[in-house]
Amino acid sequence: MHESILNTTSFFIRLLKNIGVPARVIHSADEYQESPYSTSACKVYGTTPEKVYHFLTKKMEPQMIYHEIDFLQCHHYLMLLPVSNQLTFLLIGPIRSSRLTDSQLLQRIELPQLSLSEKALIQTHYHSLSKELNIDTIEGLLYGYGQEIFGKKEKLTQQNYTLSDVVHRKTESDITLTAADSKSIVPSMTVDELYAVENKLLDYIKSGNARKVEQFFSDAASRFSFVDMEMRTPDTIRNYKNGCIIQNTLYRKAAEQGGVPPIYIHRISSDFAARIEQLTSAEEAMELARHMSRKYALLVQNRSIKEYSLPVQRIITLIDTDLTADLSLKRFSSELNQNASYLSTLFKKETGVALTDYVNSKRIEHALFLLNTTDLQIQTIANSCGIYDLSYFGKLFKKYVNMSPGSYRRSIR
């Protein structure tokens, strides 16, 4: 059996090399560090080939394909072989699925821990790789090989790992994972685990539980799934931005399911979209992901109308959408084809305030926002709130804020 596996593996390695894919069997730490590329890559990550070898062999499980994307966007695959020496594995890669420009390559290897000769070695090795290859094709071949050596009835699974997250302490057994200084943004999770963690956070947002969201992001294992997205382009920062764009979309849908009117979701979503494009590092992306999730949870907590009946939800949505529109009971009664008296009673029963008071409070709330954030004339602010009589606006504002609009503006300056 042992000989059969090695023969199959030798054939598979030759097949891969024929299409330009480096591959070899690793039996020991010494063999792993024979590759100049591996040695240089390990130095980029601040570790040694020997420590990486022990990290990998400790981590790997049978019938599992491990996949990494390194600091040059090259793919690597590892598979523990079912032979007597349990520390023997197949190493495939590096494989290029996309090509870095010369400037991108130079930028990635311009590191103080690399000597000039090591930088030159990495450049030479990178340029010697075959042309860009289809990763789906490589993985298809790898799964076929895996079924051949493990048996077609056995299920193979794939897991992502990253050497950039290896933190080595005084002993090799202390090697652990961390999110700090990550050069690769592929999470150390299976796909099922990734989705389970993601759904947990979305449930917290949907229920408006900001406290649980904060607890979630204090868990290092959970943090991986939210800016740790697949490297889809050669531009690392672009990948982080894309990851945050995905999270913004997911959080927005969770808030919608939590009963927040679209007008509020659109405002916060647009603000985050602009901030995402200003990201410059992985740390900023992680912090923004945390901030976005908390703000969406608070939005659900403060703006959800999910518990209201459909007619009341509709009225609130219409009010929030346009404060300058006709927000009278007569208009809502006609639009919803409901009895005005019934609607009035229902609205007060569910919200705790009369419809007129609710509309006025929303208009003054918006007036306060404009006074705090703009230099618009008070008449213009009144009109923006749907109140066209300046005298009435002043009286209404004083009723809710206990001072005139002018006095309030002077008090905040």
Protein backbone atom coordinates (compact mmCIF):
# COMPACT_ATOMS: atom_id res chain seq x y z
CA MET A 1 0.00 0.00 0.00
CA HIS A 2 2.83 2.35 0.95
CA GLU A 3 4.64 1.72 -2.33
CA SER A 4 1.42 2.12 -4.35
CA ILE A 5 0.76 5.53 -2.78
CA LEU A 6 4.29 6.73 -3.49
CA ASN A 7 4.08 5.51 -7.11
CA THR A 8 0.76 7.32 -7.61
CA THR A 9 2.22 10.41 -5.99
CA SER A 10 5.32 10.32 -8.20
CA PHE A 11 3.11 10.10 -11.29
CA PHE A 12 0.96 12.99 -10.04
CA ILE A 13 4.03 15.16 -9.38
CA ARG A 14 5.32 14.52 -12.90
CA LEU A 15 1.89 15.41 -14.29
CA LEU A 16 1.89 18.69 -12.40
CA LYS A 17 5.42 19.57 -13.42
CA ASN A 18 4.49 18.98 -17.06
CA ILE A 19 1.96 21.81 -16.82
CA GLY A 20 4.37 24.07 -14.93
CA VAL A 21 3.30 23.38 -11.33
CA PRO A 22 6.09 22.78 -8.76
CA ALA A 23 5.36 19.80 -6.47
CA ARG A 24 7.32 17.50 -4.17
CA VAL A 25 6.97 15.15 -1.21
CA ILE A 26 8.27 16.49 2.12
CA HIS A 27 9.47 13.97 4.69
CA SER A 28 11.27 16.22 7.14
CA ALA A 29 12.02 19.79 8.18
CA ASP A 30 15.35 19.55 6.35
CA GLU A 31 13.58 18.77 3.07
CA TYR A 32 11.12 21.61 3.58
CA GLN A 33 13.89 24.16 4.00
CA GLU A 34 15.83 22.91 0.97
CA SER A 35 13.73 25.23 -1.18
CA PRO A 36 15.29 28.73 -1.41
CA TYR A 37 11.80 30.12 -2.04
CA SER A 38 10.44 28.57 1.18
CA THR A 39 13.39 29.91 3.15
CA SER A 40 12.94 33.45 1.79
CA ALA A 41 9.16 33.36 2.25
CA CYS A 42 9.55 32.26 5.85
CA LYS A 43 11.91 35.15 6.46
CA VAL A 44 9.26 37.53 5.09
CA TYR A 45 6.88 36.20 7.74
CA GLY A 46 9.50 36.45 10.47
CA THR A 47 9.89 32.73 11.08
CA THR A 48 12.04 29.78 9.95
CA PRO A 49 11.31 26.82 7.64
CA GLU A 50 11.82 24.41 10.54
CA LYS A 51 9.20 26.14 12.68
CA VAL A 52 6.79 26.30 9.77
CA TYR A 53 7.29 22.59 9.09
CA HIS A 54 6.42 21.73 12.70
CA PHE A 55 3.47 24.12 12.62
CA LEU A 56 2.11 22.47 9.48
CA THR A 57 2.62 18.87 10.57
CA LYS A 58 0.98 19.61 13.91
CA LYS A 59 -1.99 21.23 12.17
CA MET A 60 -2.59 18.83 9.28
CA GLU A 61 -5.21 16.10 9.42
CA PRO A 62 -5.80 13.14 7.06
CA GLN A 63 -8.02 13.64 4.01
CA MET A 64 -7.72 17.40 4.26
CA ILE A 65 -6.38 19.67 1.52
CA TYR A 66 -4.73 22.80 2.91
CA HIS A 67 -4.59 25.93 0.78
CA GLU A 68 -2.59 29.12 1.31
CA ILE A 69 -2.11 32.31 -0.69
CA ASP A 70 1.25 33.83 0.15
CA PHE A 71 2.59 37.38 0.18
CA LEU A 72 3.09 37.30 -3.62
CA GLN A 73 -0.46 36.07 -4.32
CA CYS A 74 0.89 32.60 -5.12
CA HIS A 75 -1.15 29.53 -4.21
CA HIS A 76 0.20 26.57 -2.22
CA TYR A 77 -1.49 23.25 -1.43
CA LEU A 78 -0.55 20.64 1.16
CA MET A 79 -1.91 17.16 1.80
CA LEU A 80 -0.82 14.74 4.51
CA LEU A 81 0.01 11.39 2.89
CA PRO A 82 -1.34 8.12 4.36
CA VAL A 83 2.06 6.48 4.86
CA SER A 84 3.85 5.12 7.92
CA ASN A 85 5.68 8.39 8.55
CA GLN A 86 2.82 10.63 9.63
CA LEU A 87 4.95 13.74 9.00
CA THR A 88 5.12 13.15 5.25
CA PHE A 89 3.07 15.46 3.06
CA LEU A 90 2.69 16.56 -0.54
CA LEU A 91 3.58 20.22 -1.16
CA ILE A 92 2.31 21.87 -4.36
CA GLY A 93 3.25 25.38 -5.35
CA PRO A 94 3.93 28.20 -5.65
CA ILE A 95 1.33 28.66 -8.42
CA ARG A 96 0.45 31.98 -10.02
CA SER A 97 -3.21 32.56 -10.86
CA SER A 98 -2.59 36.25 -11.58
CA ARG A 99 0.56 38.26 -12.16
CA LEU A 100 1.96 41.08 -10.08
CA THR A 101 3.39 44.02 -11.98
CA ASP A 102 7.10 44.74 -11.48
CA SER A 103 6.27 47.66 -9.19
CA GLN A 104 3.87 45.54 -7.10
CA LEU A 105 6.47 42.80 -6.80
CA LEU A 106 9.18 45.23 -5.72
CA GLN A 107 6.85 46.82 -3.20
CA ARG A 108 6.04 43.46 -1.59
CA ILE A 109 9.65 42.38 -1.19
CA GLU A 110 10.97 45.76 -0.05
CA LEU A 111 11.31 44.51 3.52
CA PRO A 112 14.12 45.19 6.02
CA GLN A 113 14.45 41.52 6.95
CA LEU A 114 15.40 40.56 3.39
CA SER A 115 18.93 40.98 2.05
CA LEU A 116 19.54 42.11 -1.51
CA SER A 117 20.43 38.56 -2.55
CA GLU A 118 17.22 37.21 -1.00
CA LYS A 119 15.14 39.83 -2.78
CA ALA A 120 16.83 38.94 -6.06
CA LEU A 121 16.20 35.24 -5.39
CA ILE A 122 12.49 35.82 -4.81
CA GLN A 123 12.22 37.91 -7.98
CA THR A 124 14.00 35.26 -10.03
CA HIS A 125 11.87 32.46 -8.62
CA TYR A 126 8.66 34.42 -9.14
CA HIS A 127 9.47 35.18 -12.78
CA SER A 128 10.45 31.54 -13.37
CA LEU A 129 6.96 30.33 -12.51
CA SER A 130 4.79 29.13 -15.35
CA LYS A 131 2.27 31.48 -16.88
CA GLU A 132 -0.92 32.14 -14.92
CA LEU A 133 -2.80 28.91 -14.27
CA ASN A 134 -6.45 28.18 -13.55
CA ILE A 135 -6.70 27.30 -9.86
CA ASP A 136 -9.97 25.42 -10.37
CA THR A 137 -8.16 23.08 -12.77
CA ILE A 138 -5.32 22.48 -10.30
CA GLU A 139 -7.77 21.79 -7.48
CA GLY A 140 -9.72 19.40 -9.71
CA LEU A 141 -6.54 17.42 -10.37
CA LEU A 142 -5.69 17.46 -6.67
CA TYR A 143 -9.11 16.13 -5.67
CA GLY A 144 -8.79 13.37 -8.25
CA TYR A 145 -5.37 12.44 -6.85
CA GLY A 146 -6.75 12.52 -3.31
CA GLN A 147 -9.55 10.12 -4.18
CA GLU A 148 -7.00 7.82 -5.79
CA ILE A 149 -4.85 7.52 -2.67
CA PHE A 150 -7.60 7.67 -0.03
CA GLY A 151 -10.34 5.84 -1.92
CA LYS A 152 -13.26 7.25 -3.88
CA LYS A 153 -15.70 6.67 -1.02
CA GLU A 154 -13.73 8.92 1.32
CA LYS A 155 -14.71 12.57 1.51
CA LEU A 156 -12.00 15.17 1.00
CA THR A 157 -12.37 18.62 2.53
CA GLN A 158 -10.41 21.81 2.00
CA GLN A 159 -9.20 24.28 4.61
CA ASN A 160 -7.38 27.56 4.25
CA TYR A 161 -4.31 28.36 6.29
CA THR A 162 -1.82 31.22 6.37
CA LEU A 163 1.80 31.31 7.40
CA SER A 164 1.55 35.07 7.82
CA ASP A 165 -0.50 34.50 10.95
CA VAL A 166 2.08 32.30 12.66
CA VAL A 167 3.33 33.88 15.85
CA HIS A 168 6.36 32.00 17.15
CA ARG A 169 7.34 32.39 20.77
CA LYS A 170 10.23 30.79 22.63
CA THR A 171 9.36 27.24 21.68
CA GLU A 172 8.02 25.77 18.49
CA SER A 173 5.08 24.23 20.38
CA ASP A 174 3.89 27.74 21.24
CA ILE A 175 3.10 28.59 17.60
CA THR A 176 -0.43 29.99 17.39
CA LEU A 177 -2.58 32.00 15.03
CA THR A 178 -3.20 35.71 15.28
CA ALA A 179 -4.79 38.37 13.08
CA ALA A 180 -1.91 40.83 13.54
CA ASP A 181 0.37 41.81 10.65
CA SER A 182 -1.38 39.42 8.27
CA LYS A 183 0.09 39.34 4.77
CA SER A 184 -2.48 36.80 3.62
CA ILE A 185 -6.16 37.36 4.18
CA VAL A 186 -7.48 33.84 3.91
CA PRO A 187 -9.19 32.70 7.13
CA SER A 188 -8.01 29.61 8.94
CA MET A 189 -11.52 28.12 8.79
CA THR A 190 -13.48 25.64 6.78
CA VAL A 191 -16.26 27.05 4.62
CA ASP A 192 -18.92 25.67 6.98
CA GLU A 193 -17.24 27.28 9.99
CA LEU A 194 -16.88 30.57 8.15
CA TYR A 195 -20.59 30.72 7.33
CA ALA A 196 -21.59 29.66 10.86
CA VAL A 197 -19.52 32.47 12.39
CA GLU A 198 -20.81 34.98 9.86
CA ASN A 199 -24.44 34.04 10.53
CA LYS A 200 -23.89 34.42 14.26
CA LEU A 201 -22.84 38.05 13.82
CA LEU A 202 -25.67 38.77 11.39
CA ASP A 203 -28.16 37.40 13.93
CA TYR A 204 -26.76 39.78 16.56
CA ILE A 205 -27.18 42.71 14.18
CA LYS A 206 -30.66 41.63 13.14
CA SER A 207 -31.76 41.53 16.79
CA GLY A 208 -30.08 44.87 17.57
CA ASN A 209 -27.77 43.32 20.16
CA ALA A 210 -24.81 45.73 20.12
CA ARG A 211 -23.34 44.19 23.29
CA LYS A 212 -23.11 40.77 21.64
CA VAL A 213 -21.51 42.36 18.58
CA GLU A 214 -18.78 43.87 20.78
CA GLN A 215 -18.21 40.50 22.47
CA PHE A 216 -18.06 38.85 19.06
CA PHE A 217 -15.19 41.04 17.89
CA SER A 218 -13.24 40.42 21.08
CA ASP A 219 -13.00 36.78 19.98
CA ALA A 220 -9.95 36.39 17.72
CA ALA A 221 -11.35 33.30 16.01
CA SER A 222 -14.47 35.20 15.00
CA ARG A 223 -12.57 38.20 13.68
CA PHE A 224 -10.95 36.14 10.90
CA SER A 225 -14.10 35.79 8.85
CA PHE A 226 -14.87 39.47 8.41
CA VAL A 227 -11.97 41.16 6.72
CA ASP A 228 -10.16 37.93 6.04
CA MET A 229 -11.49 37.47 2.55
CA GLU A 230 -10.04 35.57 -0.38
CA MET A 231 -7.26 37.25 -2.33
CA ARG A 232 -9.15 37.90 -5.56
CA THR A 233 -6.82 40.57 -6.97
CA PRO A 234 -3.08 41.29 -6.71
CA ASP A 235 -3.89 44.49 -4.79
CA THR A 236 -4.00 43.62 -1.07
CA ILE A 237 -5.73 46.82 0.03
CA ARG A 238 -8.31 46.38 -2.75
CA ASN A 239 -9.04 42.92 -1.36
CA TYR A 240 -9.60 44.34 2.12
CA LYS A 241 -11.84 47.04 0.68
CA ASN A 242 -13.83 44.42 -1.25
CA GLY A 243 -14.17 42.39 1.93
CA CYS A 244 -15.59 45.39 3.79
CA ILE A 245 -17.96 46.15 0.90
CA ILE A 246 -19.31 42.60 1.23
CA GLN A 247 -19.71 43.06 4.99
CA ASN A 248 -21.49 46.39 4.51
CA THR A 249 -23.96 44.66 2.20
CA LEU A 250 -24.52 41.77 4.63
CA TYR A 251 -24.99 44.11 7.59
CA ARG A 252 -27.39 46.25 5.58
CA LYS A 253 -29.55 43.22 4.77
CA ALA A 254 -29.46 42.12 8.42
CA ALA A 255 -30.67 45.57 9.51
CA GLU A 256 -33.45 45.41 6.92
CA GLN A 257 -34.51 42.01 8.28
CA GLY A 258 -34.37 43.58 11.74
CA GLY A 259 -37.13 45.98 10.71
CA VAL A 260 -35.22 49.21 10.03
CA PRO A 261 -36.85 51.45 7.38
CA PRO A 262 -34.78 51.63 4.15
CA ILE A 263 -34.20 55.38 4.45
CA TYR A 264 -32.02 54.90 7.57
CA ILE A 265 -30.20 51.92 6.13
CA HIS A 266 -29.38 53.83 2.95
CA ARG A 267 -27.90 56.74 4.87
CA ILE A 268 -25.55 54.67 6.99
CA SER A 269 -24.67 52.32 4.13
CA SER A 270 -23.69 55.20 1.86
CA ASP A 271 -21.53 56.71 4.58
CA PHE A 272 -19.69 53.43 5.10
CA ALA A 273 -19.24 52.93 1.35
CA ALA A 274 -17.32 56.21 1.20
CA ARG A 275 -15.21 55.31 4.25
CA ILE A 276 -14.32 51.90 2.84
CA GLU A 277 -12.64 53.50 -0.17
CA GLN A 278 -10.38 55.47 2.18
CA LEU A 279 -8.92 52.35 3.85
CA THR A 280 -5.15 52.04 3.75
CA SER A 281 -4.38 48.97 5.90
CA ALA A 282 -5.67 45.65 7.25
CA GLU A 283 -5.93 47.17 10.73
CA GLU A 284 -8.20 49.94 9.47
CA ALA A 285 -10.35 47.37 7.66
CA MET A 286 -10.77 45.29 10.81
CA GLU A 287 -11.66 48.34 12.89
CA LEU A 288 -14.15 49.53 10.27
CA ALA A 289 -15.76 46.06 10.13
CA ARG A 290 -16.20 46.20 13.92
CA HIS A 291 -17.55 49.76 13.78
CA MET A 292 -19.98 48.98 10.94
CA SER A 293 -21.43 45.94 12.69
CA ARG A 294 -21.96 47.87 15.93
CA LYS A 295 -23.58 50.84 14.18
CA TYR A 296 -25.95 48.57 12.26
CA ALA A 297 -26.87 46.78 15.50
CA LEU A 298 -27.58 50.12 17.19
CA LEU A 299 -29.61 51.16 14.15
CA VAL A 300 -31.82 48.09 14.61
CA GLN A 301 -32.00 48.78 18.34
CA ASN A 302 -33.16 52.36 17.83
CA ARG A 303 -34.99 52.33 14.50
CA SER A 304 -36.61 48.92 14.13
CA ILE A 305 -40.34 48.95 13.42
CA LYS A 306 -40.59 45.19 13.08
CA GLU A 307 -42.89 44.83 16.09
CA TYR A 308 -45.46 47.22 14.66
CA SER A 309 -48.43 46.22 12.53
CA LEU A 310 -48.14 46.65 8.78
CA PRO A 311 -50.25 49.86 8.64
CA VAL A 312 -48.12 51.51 11.34
CA GLN A 313 -44.91 50.33 9.66
CA ARG A 314 -46.11 51.87 6.43
CA ILE A 315 -46.95 55.20 8.09
CA ILE A 316 -43.57 55.41 9.83
CA THR A 317 -41.75 54.59 6.60
CA LEU A 318 -43.64 57.31 4.73
CA ILE A 319 -42.82 59.83 7.48
CA ASP A 320 -39.13 58.92 7.53
CA THR A 321 -38.86 58.99 3.75
CA ASP A 322 -39.98 62.60 3.26
CA LEU A 323 -40.64 65.05 6.10
CA THR A 324 -41.74 67.73 3.61
CA ALA A 325 -44.64 65.62 2.31
CA ASP A 326 -48.25 65.69 3.45
CA LEU A 327 -48.03 63.70 6.69
CA SER A 328 -51.61 64.13 7.80
CA LEU A 329 -53.90 61.41 9.13
CA LYS A 330 -56.23 62.11 6.21
CA ARG A 331 -53.48 61.34 3.69
CA PHE A 332 -52.45 58.08 5.41
CA SER A 333 -56.07 57.01 5.78
CA SER A 334 -56.65 57.49 2.07
CA GLU A 335 -53.39 55.87 0.99
CA LEU A 336 -53.82 52.82 3.20
CA ASN A 337 -57.56 52.59 2.59
CA GLN A 338 -58.19 52.51 6.34
CA ASN A 339 -60.61 54.33 8.62
CA ALA A 340 -58.93 57.49 9.98
CA SER A 341 -60.16 56.98 13.54
CA TYR A 342 -58.97 53.36 13.50
CA LEU A 343 -55.53 54.36 12.19
CA SER A 344 -55.14 57.10 14.78
CA THR A 345 -56.01 54.75 17.64
CA LEU A 346 -53.80 51.96 16.28
CA PHE A 347 -50.79 54.28 15.83
CA LYS A 348 -50.98 55.65 19.36
CA LYS A 349 -51.53 52.19 20.84
CA GLU A 350 -48.43 50.75 19.19
CA THR A 351 -46.02 53.71 19.37
CA GLY A 352 -47.21 55.32 22.57
CA VAL A 353 -47.64 58.76 20.96
CA ALA A 354 -50.24 60.42 18.79
CA LEU A 355 -49.51 60.63 15.06
CA THR A 356 -49.21 64.45 15.09
CA ASP A 357 -46.74 64.35 18.00
CA TYR A 358 -44.71 61.67 16.25
CA VAL A 359 -44.49 63.72 13.05
CA ASN A 360 -43.54 66.88 14.94
CA SER A 361 -40.86 65.09 16.96
CA LYS A 362 -39.32 63.70 13.77
CA ARG A 363 -39.31 67.16 12.20
CA ILE A 364 -37.61 68.72 15.22
CA GLU A 365 -35.15 65.83 15.36
CA HIS A 366 -34.19 66.59 11.77
CA ALA A 367 -33.98 70.32 12.55
CA LEU A 368 -31.52 69.58 15.37
CA PHE A 369 -29.42 67.50 12.99
CA LEU A 370 -29.28 70.36 10.45
CA LEU A 371 -28.48 72.95 13.12
CA ASN A 372 -25.64 70.75 14.39
CA THR A 373 -24.15 69.94 11.02
CA THR A 374 -24.84 72.86 8.68
CA ASP A 375 -24.88 76.67 8.50
CA LEU A 376 -28.24 76.79 6.71
CA GLN A 377 -30.57 79.66 7.52
CA ILE A 378 -33.25 78.79 10.04
CA GLN A 379 -36.00 79.44 7.48
CA THR A 380 -34.34 76.95 5.12
CA ILE A 381 -34.06 74.40 7.93
CA ALA A 382 -37.74 74.85 8.78
CA ASN A 383 -38.70 74.29 5.14
CA SER A 384 -36.48 71.18 4.99
CA CYS A 385 -38.46 69.79 7.90
CA GLY A 386 -41.79 70.39 6.17
CA ILE A 387 -42.73 73.48 8.25
CA TYR A 388 -43.18 76.59 6.12
CA ASP A 389 -44.35 79.02 8.82
CA LEU A 390 -41.22 80.27 10.59
CA SER A 391 -43.15 81.50 13.61
CA TYR A 392 -44.84 78.12 14.05
CA PHE A 393 -41.50 76.37 13.59
CA GLY A 394 -40.00 78.51 16.39
CA LYS A 395 -42.85 77.69 18.79
CA LEU A 396 -42.70 73.97 17.97
CA PHE A 397 -38.92 73.89 18.36
CA LYS A 398 -39.11 75.60 21.75
CA LYS A 399 -41.76 73.13 22.90
CA TYR A 400 -39.42 70.18 22.29
CA VAL A 401 -36.00 71.76 23.01
CA ASN A 402 -36.89 74.46 25.57
CA MET A 403 -35.12 77.18 23.56
CA SER A 404 -35.48 78.88 20.20
CA PRO A 405 -33.63 77.61 17.12
CA GLY A 406 -31.37 80.68 17.18
CA SER A 407 -30.52 80.21 20.86
CA TYR A 408 -29.77 76.54 20.28
CA ARG A 409 -27.42 77.33 17.40
CA ARG A 410 -25.54 79.88 19.53
CA SER A 411 -25.27 77.38 22.41
CA ILE A 412 -23.44 74.81 20.29
CA ARG A 413 -20.85 77.18 18.88
